[in-house]
C-alpha cells in the first residue's frame, strides 16, 4: 500500500448530530473513528439560534453551542475530528476508498455517511441576510415555529411538506399566509384540503416573493407579487418560512449506493445498512420524513452499532476460516 494512503477502521463522512453521535458510539467501541466535518462543520443546526426541543436542555441551547458540545464529547473518547470534506469515493471493490479534498486517499474498513441534506431557499439576498442573522427566516417550522407564537408568518411552498408545515404553524401563529407560485397545489388533495379548511391560513395563488423586508435585525414584512398581473403588495410578518424542499448531500455516492428519485440514500428498513457491505448511513442523507436533530442522533447511534457488529462478524468469519487451515 502506498505511503500516501491512510488505513482506518471507521471513517465518518460529515458531522452534525448524526455524525458526532456515530463518532461517540464508534469511539467507545474502540473503532478509532476518523470524522471529516464537511463543508458545514456541525451541519444545518449551526444556522439555528435556539434549539428547545432536544432532550437534556431544559433552558434550550443554541445550535452552534450544541454542536460544539457534541464534538467535544466525541473527542473525549478520542475521535479524530478533522477539517475537510470527502470529494470522491469508490465502493466498487473489497476496499472502501475515499478521497479528502480530492488529494488524500483513505481506505476504510467501515464508512458511516452523515452528510445530511441542505434546505432549498429562494436565493434572494434579503432572504439570505435574515437567515444568517437568525432574524426570522427558517426552513423548518417544527424547529422554529414555537418562536412565532401568536404572531403572523409567511410560508412559501406548494407540496405536501409545505402544507404540513403551514398546518403546524397555524396551531401556533395568529395568521399564516401561504404563497403558492402556481394556480394550484402540488400537494395531495387531502393535504391541500387541510390547509384550505384551516381558518387562519390564507392562501395566495400565483404569488411569489419579491423581497423579505426587515429593520436590519429581524423580519417585519414580505413583499410579494402576483405573477399574472405583476401587482405587488406587502404582508406584515415576523417570520418567513421556506418549504420548497431539501437536497440530500449525496451526489458523490450516486455511482455506488442505491438512491431514491430525489437523491436520498436507501437503507435497509430498520437498520442503517446500505446496498454496499460495510457502508452505513445516518441522519438526513437518508431521512426525508422527520429531519430532526434527535432522530439524526438516533440513526447515528444505529450506524455505529451496525458498523461495530459488521466488523465483529467479519472478524469472526476470518478467525474461523483461518483456524480451518491450522
Protein backbone atom coordinates (compact mmCIF):
# COMPACT_ATOMS: atom_id res chain seq x y z
CA UNK A 1 0.00 0.00 0.00
CA UNK A 2 1.26 3.44 -0.89
CA UNK A 3 2.65 5.57 1.93
CA UNK A 4 0.17 8.26 0.86
CA UNK A 5 -2.82 6.05 1.67
CA UNK A 6 -4.21 6.07 5.20
CA UNK A 7 -5.92 2.94 6.55
CA UNK A 8 -8.68 3.44 9.13
CA UNK A 9 -11.19 1.17 10.84
CA UNK A 10 -14.14 3.60 10.75
CA UNK A 11 -14.47 6.68 8.57
CA UNK A 12 -17.36 9.06 9.31
CA UNK A 13 -18.22 11.43 6.48
CA UNK A 14 -19.98 14.53 7.81
CA UNK A 15 -20.72 15.94 11.24
CA UNK A 16 -23.92 17.27 12.81
CA UNK A 17 -25.96 15.29 15.35
CA UNK A 18 -25.75 12.11 13.25
CA UNK A 19 -22.01 12.18 12.61
CA UNK A 20 -20.99 13.18 16.12
CA UNK A 21 -23.30 10.61 17.74
CA UNK A 22 -21.93 7.91 15.45
CA UNK A 23 -18.44 9.00 16.49
CA UNK A 24 -19.26 8.80 20.19
CA UNK A 25 -20.56 5.23 19.87
CA UNK A 26 -17.81 4.12 17.48
CA UNK A 27 -15.08 5.55 19.68
CA UNK A 28 -16.47 3.86 22.78
CA UNK A 29 -16.44 0.59 20.83
CA UNK A 30 -12.70 1.01 20.16
CA UNK A 31 -13.24 1.57 16.44
CA UNK A 32 -10.90 4.61 16.41
CA UNK A 33 -13.21 6.69 14.20
CA UNK A 34 -11.89 9.40 11.91
CA UNK A 35 -14.50 12.09 11.21
CA UNK A 36 -14.33 14.68 8.47
CA UNK A 37 -16.62 17.60 9.28
CA UNK A 38 -17.51 18.54 5.71
CA UNK A 39 -18.24 21.91 4.17
CA UNK A 40 -20.51 22.93 7.06
CA UNK A 41 -18.95 21.70 10.33
CA UNK A 42 -21.76 20.87 12.73
CA UNK A 43 -24.33 20.65 9.94
CA UNK A 44 -27.55 22.62 9.44
CA UNK A 45 -28.07 23.08 13.17
CA UNK A 46 -25.24 25.61 13.25
CA UNK A 47 -27.60 28.03 11.47
CA UNK A 48 -30.23 27.70 14.21
CA UNK A 49 -30.15 30.27 17.00
CA UNK A 50 -32.24 28.40 19.55
CA UNK A 51 -32.81 24.67 20.00
CA UNK A 52 -35.52 23.95 22.54
CA UNK A 53 -36.73 20.51 21.51
CA UNK A 54 -33.60 18.41 22.01
CA UNK A 55 -33.79 16.32 25.22
CA UNK A 56 -31.49 17.32 28.04
CA UNK A 57 -31.56 21.10 27.54
CA UNK A 58 -34.35 22.40 29.79
CA UNK A 59 -33.36 26.02 29.13
CA UNK A 60 -32.67 25.46 25.45
CA UNK A 61 -29.32 25.82 23.68
CA UNK A 62 -28.03 27.49 20.54
CA UNK A 63 -27.34 25.24 17.57
CA UNK A 64 -23.61 26.11 17.39
CA UNK A 65 -23.17 25.57 21.14
CA UNK A 66 -24.87 22.18 20.99
CA UNK A 67 -22.66 21.09 18.09
CA UNK A 68 -19.52 22.18 19.92
CA UNK A 69 -20.61 20.10 22.91
CA UNK A 70 -21.29 17.06 20.74
CA UNK A 71 -17.91 17.46 19.07
CA UNK A 72 -16.19 17.76 22.45
CA UNK A 73 -17.95 14.62 23.65
CA UNK A 74 -16.81 12.71 20.58
CA UNK A 75 -13.24 13.95 21.05
CA UNK A 76 -13.34 12.99 24.73
CA UNK A 77 -13.38 9.37 23.54
CA UNK A 78 -10.55 10.11 21.12
CA UNK A 79 -12.47 10.54 17.88
CA UNK A 80 -10.10 12.06 15.33
CA UNK A 81 -12.15 15.08 14.18
CA UNK A 82 -10.68 16.70 11.09
CA UNK A 83 -11.36 19.69 8.87
CA UNK A 84 -12.00 18.96 5.21
CA UNK A 85 -14.57 17.10 3.18
CA UNK A 86 -14.74 13.92 1.18
CA UNK A 87 -14.93 14.76 -2.52
CA UNK A 88 -14.88 11.27 -4.08
CA UNK A 89 -15.48 7.66 -3.09
CA UNK A 90 -15.03 4.24 -4.68
CA UNK A 91 -17.04 1.36 -3.27
CA UNK A 92 -16.59 -0.92 -6.29
CA UNK A 93 -14.07 -3.27 -4.70
CA UNK A 94 -13.45 -5.01 -1.41
CA UNK A 95 -11.77 -1.89 -0.03
CA UNK A 96 -13.86 1.20 0.73
CA UNK A 97 -11.95 4.14 -0.69
CA UNK A 98 -12.48 7.84 -0.10
CA UNK A 99 -10.59 10.94 -1.16
CA UNK A 100 -10.44 14.07 1.01
CA UNK A 101 -10.24 17.45 -0.71
CA UNK A 102 -9.50 15.49 -3.92
CA UNK A 103 -5.99 14.65 -2.71
CA UNK A 104 -5.68 12.47 0.40
CA UNK A 105 -6.74 8.83 -0.09
CA UNK A 106 -8.25 6.82 2.76
CA UNK A 107 -9.06 3.11 2.87
CA UNK A 108 -11.69 2.29 5.50
CA UNK A 109 -12.99 -0.98 6.90
CA UNK A 110 -16.33 0.72 7.52
CA UNK A 111 -17.83 4.01 6.42
CA UNK A 112 -20.67 5.92 8.06
CA UNK A 113 -22.27 8.57 5.86
CA UNK A 114 -23.66 11.58 7.75
CA UNK A 115 -23.62 14.21 5.02
CA UNK A 116 -27.16 15.44 5.69
CA UNK A 117 -29.38 17.42 3.37
CA UNK A 118 -29.46 21.10 2.51
CA UNK A 119 -32.68 23.09 2.60
CA UNK A 120 -33.57 24.79 -0.65
CA UNK A 121 -34.04 28.55 -0.48
CA UNK A 122 -35.32 31.11 -2.95
CA UNK A 123 -31.90 32.70 -3.27
CA UNK A 124 -32.97 36.29 -2.55
CA UNK A 125 -30.28 38.48 -0.98
CA UNK A 126 -32.73 39.68 1.66
CA UNK A 127 -33.76 36.10 2.47
CA UNK A 128 -30.14 35.04 2.97
CA UNK A 129 -29.41 38.17 5.02
CA UNK A 130 -32.05 37.44 7.64
CA UNK A 131 -31.31 33.71 7.52
CA UNK A 132 -27.69 34.40 8.51
CA UNK A 133 -28.77 36.92 11.14
CA UNK A 134 -31.21 34.42 12.64
CA UNK A 135 -33.77 37.17 12.36
CA UNK A 136 -36.86 35.45 11.07
CA UNK A 137 -36.06 33.21 8.07
CA UNK A 138 -36.32 29.45 8.54
CA UNK A 139 -36.68 26.23 6.56
CA UNK A 140 -38.06 24.23 9.48
CA UNK A 141 -41.43 25.07 11.01
CA UNK A 142 -41.21 22.24 13.53
CA UNK A 143 -37.82 23.54 14.69
CA UNK A 144 -38.61 27.24 14.86
CA UNK A 145 -42.38 27.68 14.83
CA UNK A 146 -42.54 27.96 18.61
CA UNK A 147 -40.71 31.30 18.48
CA UNK A 148 -43.58 32.83 16.48
CA UNK A 149 -46.44 32.02 18.80
CA UNK A 150 -49.35 34.43 18.33
CA UNK A 151 -47.53 36.21 15.51
CA UNK A 152 -48.13 36.48 11.77
CA UNK A 153 -45.89 34.49 9.42
CA UNK A 154 -45.49 33.75 5.71
CA UNK A 155 -44.64 30.35 4.24
CA UNK A 156 -43.57 29.55 0.67
CA UNK A 157 -44.33 26.18 -0.91
CA UNK A 158 -46.97 24.07 -2.59
CA UNK A 159 -46.17 20.43 -1.80
CA UNK A 160 -47.17 18.06 0.98
CA UNK A 161 -44.34 19.23 3.24
CA UNK A 162 -45.32 22.88 2.79
CA UNK A 163 -48.95 22.08 3.62
CA UNK A 164 -47.90 20.09 6.66
CA UNK A 165 -45.66 22.90 7.91
CA UNK A 166 -48.34 25.54 7.25
CA UNK A 167 -50.86 23.50 9.22
CA UNK A 168 -48.34 23.08 12.04
CA UNK A 169 -47.71 26.84 12.12
CA UNK A 170 -51.45 27.54 12.15
CA UNK A 171 -51.67 25.93 15.60
CA UNK A 172 -49.08 28.37 16.95
CA UNK A 173 -49.44 31.56 14.97
CA UNK A 174 -52.16 34.16 14.75
CA UNK A 175 -52.12 34.06 10.95
CA UNK A 176 -50.26 32.06 8.29
CA UNK A 177 -50.08 33.37 4.72
CA UNK A 178 -49.14 30.69 2.22
CA UNK A 179 -47.55 31.68 -1.09
CA UNK A 180 -48.15 29.27 -3.99
CA UNK A 181 -46.41 30.06 -7.24
CA UNK A 182 -48.92 28.31 -9.49
CA UNK A 183 -52.72 28.34 -9.53
CA UNK A 184 -52.90 25.02 -7.69
CA UNK A 185 -51.10 22.93 -5.10
CA UNK A 186 -48.62 20.19 -5.94
CA UNK A 187 -49.66 18.54 -2.68
CA UNK A 188 -52.03 15.61 -2.39
CA UNK A 189 -55.70 16.51 -2.31
CA UNK A 190 -56.07 15.60 1.34
CA UNK A 191 -53.15 17.83 2.39
CA UNK A 192 -54.38 20.72 0.21
CA UNK A 193 -57.86 20.39 1.68
CA UNK A 194 -56.44 20.51 5.18
CA UNK A 195 -54.84 23.93 4.71
CA UNK A 196 -57.78 25.27 2.68
CA UNK A 197 -60.09 24.39 5.56
CA UNK A 198 -57.90 25.94 8.26
CA UNK A 199 -59.38 29.28 9.25
CA UNK A 200 -56.18 31.21 9.97
CA UNK A 201 -54.33 30.12 6.81
CA UNK A 202 -54.66 32.48 3.85
CA UNK A 203 -53.53 31.03 0.52
CA UNK A 204 -52.30 33.33 -2.24
CA UNK A 205 -52.05 31.52 -5.58
CA UNK A 206 -49.93 32.75 -8.49
CA UNK A 207 -47.88 34.62 -5.92
CA UNK A 208 -44.10 34.83 -5.49
CA UNK A 209 -41.72 36.55 -3.11
CA UNK A 210 -40.17 39.81 -4.27
CA UNK A 211 -38.22 40.64 -1.10
CA UNK A 212 -38.03 39.86 2.60
CA UNK A 213 -38.28 43.15 4.48
CA UNK A 214 -36.90 43.97 7.90
CA UNK A 215 -35.34 46.52 10.19
CA UNK A 216 -31.80 45.27 9.70
CA UNK A 217 -32.08 42.77 12.53
CA UNK A 218 -35.41 40.94 12.19
CA UNK A 219 -38.07 40.36 9.56
CA UNK A 220 -41.01 42.77 9.61
CA UNK A 221 -42.81 42.04 6.33
CA UNK A 222 -42.65 40.22 3.00
CA UNK A 223 -43.18 41.96 -0.33
CA UNK A 224 -44.85 39.66 -2.86
CA UNK A 225 -46.07 39.93 -6.44
CA UNK A 226 -48.79 38.26 -8.45
CA UNK A 227 -47.04 36.57 -11.39
CA UNK A 228 -50.13 37.04 -13.57
CA UNK A 229 -50.68 40.77 -13.01
CA UNK A 230 -47.24 41.79 -11.60
CA UNK A 231 -49.10 43.63 -8.85
CA UNK A 232 -47.06 43.94 -5.67
CA UNK A 233 -48.06 44.33 -2.03
CA UNK A 234 -46.56 43.86 1.42
CA UNK A 235 -47.62 41.31 4.02
CA UNK A 236 -46.77 42.13 7.66
CA UNK A 237 -44.90 39.16 9.15
CA UNK A 238 -42.25 38.40 11.74
CA UNK A 239 -41.36 35.01 10.28
CA UNK A 240 -40.63 33.82 6.73
CA UNK A 241 -40.65 30.04 6.26
CA UNK A 242 -39.36 28.36 3.12
CA UNK A 243 -40.76 24.90 2.39
CA UNK A 244 -39.70 24.19 -1.18
CA UNK A 245 -37.77 21.03 -0.43
CA UNK A 246 -34.37 19.71 0.59
CA UNK A 247 -31.48 18.38 -1.44
CA UNK A 248 -29.61 15.47 0.15
CA UNK A 249 -25.83 15.87 0.02
CA UNK A 250 -25.28 12.52 -1.64
CA UNK A 251 -24.03 13.27 -5.17
CA UNK A 252 -20.63 11.65 -4.61
CA UNK A 253 -22.27 8.33 -3.71
CA UNK A 254 -24.69 8.01 -6.65
CA UNK A 255 -22.45 5.66 -8.68
CA UNK A 256 -22.29 3.12 -5.85
CA UNK A 257 -25.25 3.44 -3.48
CA UNK A 258 -28.94 2.99 -4.15
CA UNK A 259 -30.68 6.39 -4.02
CA UNK A 260 -34.35 7.24 -4.34
CA UNK A 261 -35.66 9.54 -7.07
CA UNK A 262 -34.78 12.67 -5.07
CA UNK A 263 -31.29 11.54 -4.06
CA UNK A 264 -31.82 10.20 -0.54
CA UNK A 265 -29.79 7.08 0.28
CA UNK A 266 -31.94 3.98 0.55
CA UNK A 267 -31.23 2.00 3.70
CA UNK A 268 -32.40 -1.45 4.69
CA UNK A 269 -35.59 -0.89 6.74
CA UNK A 270 -34.94 -0.84 10.48
CA UNK A 271 -31.18 -0.52 10.02
CA UNK A 272 -28.55 1.89 8.74
CA UNK A 273 -27.26 -0.58 6.14
CA UNK A 274 -26.90 0.46 2.51
CA UNK A 275 -26.61 -1.82 -0.52
CA UNK A 276 -22.82 -1.89 -0.03
CA UNK A 277 -21.45 -4.14 2.71
CA UNK A 278 -19.67 -2.11 5.38
CA UNK A 279 -21.18 1.23 4.33
CA UNK A 280 -23.84 2.71 6.60
CA UNK A 281 -25.96 5.87 6.53
CA UNK A 282 -27.33 8.12 9.26
CA UNK A 283 -29.23 11.37 9.55
CA UNK A 284 -30.81 13.47 6.83
CA UNK A 285 -28.85 11.85 4.00
CA UNK A 286 -31.46 9.08 4.27
CA UNK A 287 -34.28 10.70 6.25
CA UNK A 288 -36.70 12.79 4.19
CA UNK A 289 -39.56 12.44 6.67
CA UNK A 290 -38.55 13.61 10.15
CA UNK A 291 -35.36 15.65 9.61
CA UNK A 292 -34.89 16.43 13.30
CA UNK A 293 -31.70 16.62 15.35
CA UNK A 294 -32.89 13.96 17.78
CA UNK A 295 -33.81 11.47 15.03
CA UNK A 296 -30.49 12.15 13.30
CA UNK A 297 -28.65 11.41 16.54
CA UNK A 298 -30.62 8.19 16.92
CA UNK A 299 -29.63 6.97 13.47
CA UNK A 300 -26.03 7.94 14.18
CA UNK A 301 -26.14 5.54 17.12
CA UNK A 302 -27.67 2.86 14.88
CA UNK A 303 -24.98 3.29 12.23
CA UNK A 304 -22.14 2.93 14.74
CA UNK A 305 -23.72 -0.19 16.28
CA UNK A 306 -24.36 -1.69 12.85
CA UNK A 307 -20.76 -0.97 11.81
CA UNK A 308 -19.40 -2.50 15.01
CA UNK A 309 -21.47 -5.67 14.54
CA UNK A 310 -20.48 -5.91 10.87
CA UNK A 311 -16.80 -5.71 11.80
CA UNK A 312 -17.23 -8.28 14.57
CA UNK A 313 -18.97 -10.70 12.21
CA UNK A 314 -16.27 -10.20 9.60
CA UNK A 315 -13.51 -10.79 12.15
CA UNK A 316 -15.25 -13.92 13.42
CA UNK A 317 -15.57 -15.27 9.89
CA UNK A 318 -11.87 -14.58 9.30
CA UNK A 319 -10.89 -16.36 12.51
CA UNK A 320 -12.99 -19.41 11.57
CA UNK A 321 -11.54 -19.59 8.06
CA UNK A 322 -8.00 -19.17 9.40
CA UNK A 323 -8.37 -21.86 12.07
CA UNK A 324 -9.62 -24.30 9.41
CA UNK A 325 -6.20 -24.29 7.79
CA UNK A 326 -4.16 -24.52 11.02
